[in-house]
PDB file of N, CA and C in Angstrom:
ATOM      1  N   MET A   1       0.813  -1.164   0.002  1.00  0.00           N
ATOM      2  CA  MET A   1       0.072   0.002  -0.047  1.00  0.00           C
ATOM      3  C   MET A   1       0.852   1.222  -0.008  1.00  0.00           C
ATOM      4  N   SER A   2       0.642   2.089  -0.968  1.00  0.00           N
ATOM      5  CA  SER A   2       1.551   3.364  -1.000  1.00  0.00           C
ATOM      6  C   SER A   2       1.052   4.317   0.049  1.00  0.00           C
ATOM      7  N   GLU A   3       1.999   5.271   0.371  1.00  0.00           N
ATOM      8  CA  GLU A   3       1.769   6.211   1.387  1.00  0.00           C
ATOM      9  C   GLU A   3       0.571   7.144   1.019  1.00  0.00           C
ATOM     10  N   SER A   4       0.422   7.447  -0.193  1.00  0.00           N
ATOM     11  CA  SER A   4      -0.612   8.362  -0.602  1.00  0.00           C
ATOM     12  C   SER A   4      -2.012   7.809  -0.402  1.00  0.00           C
ATOM     13  N   LYS A   5      -2.130   6.461  -0.334  1.00  0.00           N
ATOM     14  CA  LYS A   5      -3.458   5.769  -0.199  1.00  0.00           C
ATOM     15  C   LYS A   5      -3.699   5.293   1.187  1.00  0.00           C
ATOM     16  N   ASP A   6      -2.815   5.722   2.163  1.00  0.00           N
ATOM     17  CA  ASP A   6      -2.954   5.319   3.514  1.00  0.00           C
ATOM     18  C   ASP A   6      -4.143   6.056   4.163  1.00  0.00           C
ATOM     19  N   PRO A   7      -5.195   5.382   4.535  1.00  0.00           N
ATOM     20  CA  PRO A   7      -6.364   5.959   5.086  1.00  0.00           C
ATOM     21  C   PRO A   7      -6.165   6.810   6.332  1.00  0.00           C
ATOM     22  N   ILE A   8      -5.205   6.331   7.157  1.00  0.00           N
ATOM     23  CA  ILE A   8      -4.875   7.033   8.402  1.00  0.00           C
ATOM     24  C   ILE A   8      -4.179   8.432   8.063  1.00  0.00           C
ATOM     25  N   LYS A   9      -3.330   8.392   7.131  1.00  0.00           N
ATOM     26  CA  LYS A   9      -2.685   9.703   6.740  1.00  0.00           C
ATOM     27  C   LYS A   9      -3.661  10.648   6.073  1.00  0.00           C
ATOM     28  N   GLN A  10      -4.568  10.045   5.341  1.00  0.00           N
ATOM     29  CA  GLN A  10      -5.578  10.943   4.656  1.00  0.00           C
ATOM     30  C   GLN A  10      -6.579  11.508   5.644  1.00  0.00           C
ATOM     31  N   HIS A  11      -6.854  10.763   6.682  1.00  0.00           N
ATOM     32  CA  HIS A  11      -7.728  11.171   7.703  1.00  0.00           C
ATOM     33  C   HIS A  11      -7.117  12.298   8.540  1.00  0.00           C
ATOM     34  N   ARG A  12      -5.854  12.149   8.797  1.00  0.00           N
ATOM     35  CA  ARG A  12      -5.084  13.133   9.613  1.00  0.00           C
ATOM     36  C   ARG A  12      -4.936  14.414   8.776  1.00  0.00           C
ATOM     37  N   LEU A  13      -4.705  14.341   7.453  1.00  0.00           N
ATOM     38  CA  LEU A  13      -4.615  15.466   6.553  1.00  0.00           C
ATOM     39  C   LEU A  13      -5.934  16.150   6.426  1.00  0.00           C
ATOM     40  N   ALA A  14      -7.088  15.401   6.438  1.00  0.00           N
ATOM     41  CA  ALA A  14      -8.413  16.055   6.394  1.00  0.00           C
ATOM     42  C   ALA A  14      -8.600  16.817   7.736  1.00  0.00           C
ATOM     43  N   GLU A  15      -8.194  16.297   8.792  1.00  0.00           N
ATOM     44  CA  GLU A  15      -8.421  16.919  10.093  1.00  0.00           C
ATOM     45  C   GLU A  15      -7.549  18.165  10.079  1.00  0.00           C
ATOM     46  N   LEU A  16      -6.320  18.180   9.645  1.00  0.00           N
ATOM     47  CA  LEU A  16      -5.454  19.336   9.592  1.00  0.00           C
ATOM     48  C   LEU A  16      -6.017  20.430   8.759  1.00  0.00           C
ATOM     49  N   ILE A  17      -6.613  20.032   7.588  1.00  0.00           N
ATOM     50  CA  ILE A  17      -7.101  20.955   6.699  1.00  0.00           C
ATOM     51  C   ILE A  17      -8.376  21.592   7.342  1.00  0.00           C
ATOM     52  N   THR A  18      -9.142  20.885   8.057  1.00  0.00           N
ATOM     53  CA  THR A  18     -10.325  21.413   8.868  1.00  0.00           C
ATOM     54  C   THR A  18      -9.896  22.341   9.816  1.00  0.00           C
ATOM     55  N   VAL A  19      -8.789  22.059  10.629  1.00  0.00           N
ATOM     56  CA  VAL A  19      -8.335  22.996  11.618  1.00  0.00           C
ATOM     57  C   VAL A  19      -7.805  24.277  11.032  1.00  0.00           C
ATOM     58  N   ILE A  20      -7.115  24.210   9.952  1.00  0.00           N
ATOM     59  CA  ILE A  20      -6.647  25.377   9.222  1.00  0.00           C
ATOM     60  C   ILE A  20      -7.807  26.254   8.806  1.00  0.00           C
ATOM     61  N   ASN A  21      -8.771  25.586   8.211  1.00  0.00           N
ATOM     62  CA  ASN A  21      -9.902  26.398   7.683  1.00  0.00           C
ATOM     63  C   ASN A  21     -10.602  27.040   8.784  1.00  0.00           C
ATOM     64  N   GLU A  22     -10.731  26.476   9.993  1.00  0.00           N
ATOM     65  CA  GLU A  22     -11.372  27.094  11.154  1.00  0.00           C
ATOM     66  C   GLU A  22     -10.529  28.268  11.584  1.00  0.00           C
ATOM     67  N   ILE A  23      -9.266  28.192  11.583  1.00  0.00           N
ATOM     68  CA  ILE A  23      -8.381  29.289  12.042  1.00  0.00           C
ATOM     69  C   ILE A  23      -8.556  30.425  11.028  1.00  0.00           C
ATOM     70  N   VAL A  24      -8.547  30.147   9.699  1.00  0.00           N
ATOM     71  CA  VAL A  24      -8.712  31.248   8.773  1.00  0.00           C
ATOM     72  C   VAL A  24     -10.143  31.899   8.884  1.00  0.00           C
ATOM     73  N   ARG A  25     -11.132  31.050   9.156  1.00  0.00           N
ATOM     74  CA  ARG A  25     -12.531  31.490   9.353  1.00  0.00           C
ATOM     75  C   ARG A  25     -12.494  32.498  10.572  1.00  0.00           C
ATOM     76  N   TYR A  26     -11.801  32.164  11.676  1.00  0.00           N
ATOM     77  CA  TYR A  26     -11.815  32.952  12.867  1.00  0.00           C
ATOM     78  C   TYR A  26     -11.087  34.338  12.436  1.00  0.00           C
ATOM     79  N   TRP A  27      -9.907  34.219  11.819  1.00  0.00           N
ATOM     80  CA  TRP A  27      -9.260  35.484  11.356  1.00  0.00           C
ATOM     81  C   TRP A  27     -10.099  36.316  10.465  1.00  0.00           C
ATOM     82  N   ARG A  28     -10.873  35.677   9.627  1.00  0.00           N
ATOM     83  CA  ARG A  28     -11.724  36.462   8.698  1.00  0.00           C
ATOM     84  C   ARG A  28     -12.854  37.181   9.487  1.00  0.00           C
ATOM     85  N   GLU A  29     -13.435  36.530  10.517  1.00  0.00           N
ATOM     86  CA  GLU A  29     -14.388  37.203  11.358  1.00  0.00           C
ATOM     87  C   GLU A  29     -13.692  38.311  12.141  1.00  0.00           C
ATOM     88  N   LEU A  30     -12.547  38.135  12.610  1.00  0.00           N
ATOM     89  CA  LEU A  30     -11.806  39.193  13.330  1.00  0.00           C
ATOM     90  C   LEU A  30     -11.566  40.364  12.396  1.00  0.00           C
ATOM     91  N   GLY A  31     -11.155  40.120  11.175  1.00  0.00           N
ATOM     92  CA  GLY A  31     -10.894  41.193  10.195  1.00  0.00           C
ATOM     93  C   GLY A  31     -12.184  41.886   9.833  1.00  0.00           C
ATOM     94  N   ARG A  32     -13.271  41.171   9.695  1.00  0.00           N
ATOM     95  CA  ARG A  32     -14.571  41.768   9.418  1.00  0.00           C
ATOM     96  C   ARG A  32     -14.983  42.666  10.511  1.00  0.00           C
ATOM     97  N   LYS A  33     -14.842  42.276  11.745  1.00  0.00           N
ATOM     98  CA  LYS A  33     -15.203  43.145  12.894  1.00  0.00           C
ATOM     99  C   LYS A  33     -14.368  44.409  12.955  1.00  0.00           C
ATOM    100  N   ARG A  34     -13.109  44.280  12.637  1.00  0.00           N
ATOM    101  CA  ARG A  34     -12.213  45.472  12.700  1.00  0.00           C
ATOM    102  C   ARG A  34     -12.497  46.274  11.496  1.00  0.00           C
ATOM    103  N   TYR A  35     -12.846  45.771  10.335  1.00  0.00           N
ATOM    104  CA  TYR A  35     -13.256  46.549   9.148  1.00  0.00           C
ATOM    105  C   TYR A  35     -14.494  47.302   9.441  1.00  0.00           C
ATOM    106  N   ASP A  36     -15.497  46.630   9.998  1.00  0.00           N
ATOM    107  CA  ASP A  36     -16.836  47.257  10.239  1.00  0.00           C
ATOM    108  C   ASP A  36     -16.673  48.397  11.254  1.00  0.00           C
ATOM    109  N   ALA A  37     -15.721  48.228  12.278  1.00  0.00           N
ATOM    110  CA  ALA A  37     -15.541  49.261  13.326  1.00  0.00           C
ATOM    111  C   ALA A  37     -14.826  50.530  12.723  1.00  0.00           C
ATOM    112  N   ASN A  38     -13.922  50.263  11.793  1.00  0.00           N
ATOM    113  CA  ASN A  38     -13.214  51.403  11.241  1.00  0.00           C
ATOM    114  C   ASN A  38     -13.047  51.209   9.718  1.00  0.00           C
ATOM    115  N   PRO A  39     -14.135  51.518   9.000  1.00  0.00           N
ATOM    116  CA  PRO A  39     -13.993  51.327   7.513  1.00  0.00           C
ATOM    117  C   PRO A  39     -13.034  52.354   6.907  1.00  0.00           C
ATOM    118  N   PRO A  40     -12.315  51.870   5.910  1.00  0.00           N
ATOM    119  CA  PRO A  40     -11.217  52.743   5.331  1.00  0.00           C
ATOM    120  C   PRO A  40     -11.830  53.926   4.510  1.00  0.00           C
ATOM    121  N   ALA A  41     -10.983  54.961   4.429  1.00  0.00           N
ATOM    122  CA  ALA A  41     -11.493  56.216   3.756  1.00  0.00           C
ATOM    123  C   ALA A  41     -11.559  55.927   2.293  1.00  0.00           C
ATOM    124  N   ASP A  42     -10.789  54.976   1.741  1.00  0.00           N
ATOM    125  CA  ASP A  42     -10.818  54.796   0.245  1.00  0.00           C
ATOM    126  C   ASP A  42     -12.033  54.139  -0.316  1.00  0.00           C
ATOM    127  N   GLY A  43     -12.948  53.605   0.602  1.00  0.00           N
ATOM    128  CA  GLY A  43     -14.215  53.051   0.184  1.00  0.00           C
ATOM    129  C   GLY A  43     -14.158  51.640  -0.400  1.00  0.00           C
ATOM    130  N   ARG A  44     -12.938  50.992  -0.308  1.00  0.00           N
ATOM    131  CA  ARG A  44     -12.892  49.661  -0.778  1.00  0.00           C
ATOM    132  C   ARG A  44     -13.551  48.744   0.155  1.00  0.00           C
ATOM    133  N   SER A  45     -14.129  47.718  -0.460  1.00  0.00           N
ATOM    134  CA  SER A  45     -14.890  46.680   0.404  1.00  0.00           C
ATOM    135  C   SER A  45     -13.922  45.839   1.259  1.00  0.00           C
ATOM    136  N   PHE A  46     -14.548  45.049   2.157  1.00  0.00           N
ATOM    137  CA  PHE A  46     -13.727  44.156   2.993  1.00  0.00           C
ATOM    138  C   PHE A  46     -13.076  43.149   2.169  1.00  0.00           C
ATOM    139  N   GLU A  47     -13.773  42.599   1.062  1.00  0.00           N
ATOM    140  CA  GLU A  47     -13.251  41.517   0.315  1.00  0.00           C
ATOM    141  C   GLU A  47     -11.899  42.041  -0.373  1.00  0.00           C
ATOM    142  N   GLU A  48     -11.824  43.316  -0.732  1.00  0.00           N
ATOM    143  CA  GLU A  48     -10.581  43.908  -1.332  1.00  0.00           C
ATOM    144  C   GLU A  48      -9.461  43.982  -0.313  1.00  0.00           C
ATOM    145  N   HIS A  49      -9.846  44.238   0.960  1.00  0.00           N
ATOM    146  CA  HIS A  49      -8.873  44.343   2.017  1.00  0.00           C
ATOM    147  C   HIS A  49      -8.441  43.028   2.602  1.00  0.00           C
ATOM    148  N   TRP A  50      -9.196  41.987   2.470  1.00  0.00           N
ATOM    149  CA  TRP A  50      -9.020  40.706   3.183  1.00  0.00           C
ATOM    150  C   TRP A  50      -7.737  40.080   2.816  1.00  0.00           C
ATOM    151  N   PRO A  51      -7.262  39.995   1.529  1.00  0.00           N
ATOM    152  CA  PRO A  51      -5.938  39.379   1.360  1.00  0.00           C
ATOM    153  C   PRO A  51      -4.801  40.145   2.042  1.00  0.00           C
ATOM    154  N   LEU A  52      -4.780  41.425   2.082  1.00  0.00           N
ATOM    155  CA  LEU A  52      -3.751  42.107   2.851  1.00  0.00           C
ATOM    156  C   LEU A  52      -3.885  41.872   4.349  1.00  0.00           C
ATOM    157  N   PHE A  53      -5.099  41.796   4.804  1.00  0.00           N
ATOM    158  CA  PHE A  53      -5.278  41.505   6.297  1.00  0.00           C
ATOM    159  C   PHE A  53      -4.794  40.157   6.601  1.00  0.00           C
ATOM    160  N   LEU A  54      -5.014  39.222   5.778  1.00  0.00           N
ATOM    161  CA  LEU A  54      -4.636  37.800   5.998  1.00  0.00           C
ATOM    162  C   LEU A  54      -3.060  37.688   5.927  1.00  0.00           C
ATOM    163  N   ASN A  55      -2.492  38.427   4.993  1.00  0.00           N
ATOM    164  CA  ASN A  55      -0.980  38.373   4.924  1.00  0.00           C
ATOM    165  C   ASN A  55      -0.374  38.957   6.131  1.00  0.00           C
ATOM    166  N   LEU A  56      -0.951  40.018   6.710  1.00  0.00           N
ATOM    167  CA  LEU A  56      -0.391  40.746   7.821  1.00  0.00           C
ATOM    168  C   LEU A  56      -0.551  39.709   9.087  1.00  0.00           C
ATOM    169  N   LEU A  57      -1.693  39.007   9.171  1.00  0.00           N
ATOM    170  CA  LEU A  57      -1.881  38.094  10.263  1.00  0.00           C
ATOM    171  C   LEU A  57      -0.791  36.962  10.172  1.00  0.00           C
ATOM    172  N   LEU A  58      -0.614  36.451   9.003  1.00  0.00           N
ATOM    173  CA  LEU A  58       0.397  35.368   8.744  1.00  0.00           C
ATOM    174  C   LEU A  58       1.751  35.792   9.117  1.00  0.00           C
ATOM    175  N   LEU A  59       2.131  37.033   8.718  1.00  0.00           N
ATOM    176  CA  LEU A  59       3.427  37.642   9.057  1.00  0.00           C
ATOM    177  C   LEU A  59       3.657  37.830  10.608  1.00  0.00           C
ATOM    178  N   ASP A  60       2.530  38.233  11.217  1.00  0.00           N
ATOM    179  CA  ASP A  60       2.475  38.465  12.607  1.00  0.00           C
ATOM    180  C   ASP A  60       2.774  37.123  13.316  1.00  0.00           C
ATOM    181  N   GLN A  61       2.069  36.042  12.915  1.00  0.00           N
ATOM    182  CA  GLN A  61       2.249  34.775  13.449  1.00  0.00           C
ATOM    183  C   GLN A  61       3.695  34.193  13.270  1.00  0.00           C
ATOM    184  N   ALA A  62       4.211  34.419  12.095  1.00  0.00           N
ATOM    185  CA  ALA A  62       5.540  33.988  11.827  1.00  0.00           C
ATOM    186  C   ALA A  62       6.590  34.755  12.800  1.00  0.00           C
ATOM    187  N   ILE A  63       6.364  35.968  12.920  1.00  0.00           N
ATOM    188  CA  ILE A  63       7.282  36.690  13.860  1.00  0.00           C
ATOM    189  C   ILE A  63       7.194  36.266  15.286  1.00  0.00           C
ATOM    190  N   ARG A  64       5.975  36.031  15.712  1.00  0.00           N
ATOM    191  CA  ARG A  64       5.768  35.527  17.105  1.00  0.00           C
ATOM    192  C   ARG A  64       6.433  34.136  17.357  1.00  0.00           C
ATOM    193  N   TRP A  65       6.287  33.254  16.376  1.00  0.00           N
ATOM    194  CA  TRP A  65       6.904  31.902  16.460  1.00  0.00           C
ATOM    195  C   TRP A  65       8.417  32.035  16.342  1.00  0.00           C
ATOM    196  N   SER A  66       8.912  32.845  15.622  1.00  0.00           N
ATOM    197  CA  SER A  66      10.391  33.004  15.552  1.00  0.00           C
ATOM    198  C   SER A  66      10.955  33.567  16.814  1.00  0.00           C
ATOM    199  N   LYS A  67      10.219  34.429  17.425  1.00  0.00           N
ATOM    200  CA  LYS A  67      10.659  35.027  18.694  1.00  0.00           C
ATOM    201  C   LYS A  67      10.537  34.013  19.785  1.00  0.00           C
ATOM    202  N   ALA A  68       9.496  33.179  19.703  1.00  0.00           N
ATOM    203  CA  ALA A  68       9.332  32.089  20.806  1.00  0.00           C
ATOM    204  C   ALA A  68      10.314  31.099  20.635  1.00  0.00           C
ATOM    205  N   LEU A  69      10.721  30.770  19.396  1.00  0.00           N
ATOM    206  CA  LEU A  69      11.715  29.605  19.260  1.00  0.00           C
ATOM    207  C   LEU A  69      13.183  30.085  19.249  1.00  0.00           C
ATOM    208  N   ARG A  70      13.408  31.352  19.290  1.00  0.00           N
ATOM    209  CA  ARG A  70      14.802  31.897  19.228  1.00  0.00           C
ATOM    210  C   ARG A  70      15.646  31.360  20.394  1.00  0.00           C
ATOM    211  N   PRO A  71      15.091  31.281  21.650  1.00  0.00           N
ATOM    212  CA  PRO A  71      15.974  30.772  22.736  1.00  0.00           C
ATOM    213  C   PRO A  71      16.420  29.312  22.564  1.00  0.00           C
ATOM    214  N   LEU A  72      15.713  28.560  21.682  1.00  0.00           N
ATOM    215  CA  LEU A  72      16.099  27.163  21.453  1.00  0.00           C
ATOM    216  C   LEU A  72      17.482  27.132  20.662  1.00  0.00           C
ATOM    217  N   SER A  73      17.767  28.165  19.952  1.00  0.00           N
ATOM    218  CA  SER A  73      18.983  28.191  19.050  1.00  0.00           C
ATOM    219  C   SER A  73      20.163  28.836  19.851  1.00  0.00           C
ATOM    220  N   TRP A  74      19.976  29.436  21.005  1.00  0.00           N
ATOM    221  CA  TRP A  74      21.061  29.972  21.715  1.00  0.00           C
ATOM    222  C   TRP A  74      22.086  28.928  22.019  1.00  0.00           C
ATOM    223  N   ASN A  75      23.316  29.293  22.052  1.00  0.00           N
ATOM    224  CA  ASN A  75      24.498  28.447  22.341  1.00  0.00           C
ATOM    225  C   ASN A  75      24.577  27.304  21.429  1.00  0.00           C
ATOM    226  N   CYS A  76      24.028  27.271  20.256  1.00  0.00           N
ATOM    227  CA  CYS A  76      24.142  26.317  19.197  1.00  0.00           C
ATOM    228  C   CYS A  76      25.272  26.737  18.245  1.00  0.00           C
ATOM    229  N   GLU A  77      25.952  25.726  17.768  1.00  0.00           N
ATOM    230  CA  GLU A  77      27.062  26.062  16.832  1.00  0.00           C
ATOM    231  C   GLU A  77      26.547  25.743  15.415  1.00  0.00           C
ATOM    232  N   ASN A  78      25.914  26.628  14.757  1.00  0.00           N
ATOM    233  CA  ASN A  78      25.376  26.420  13.361  1.00  0.00           C
ATOM    234  C   ASN A  78      26.215  27.069  12.397  1.00  0.00           C
TER     235      ASN A  78
END
């Protein structure tokens, strides 16, 4: 049986995709609330701002993780 047809791995992948979709849905709701509270002056819709908002959230998460993991690399000879 090849790895791509392993039902356990496919099930885990489906669970991971579901979790990621829930996180993105949460971020979208957060962005919608912030957008509705302070609509931009340029008059663009939330759908036009959403990709930029998502990019900023992903960048923020990447920075937080890099800061959190930085102590693990101290005193390492890389």
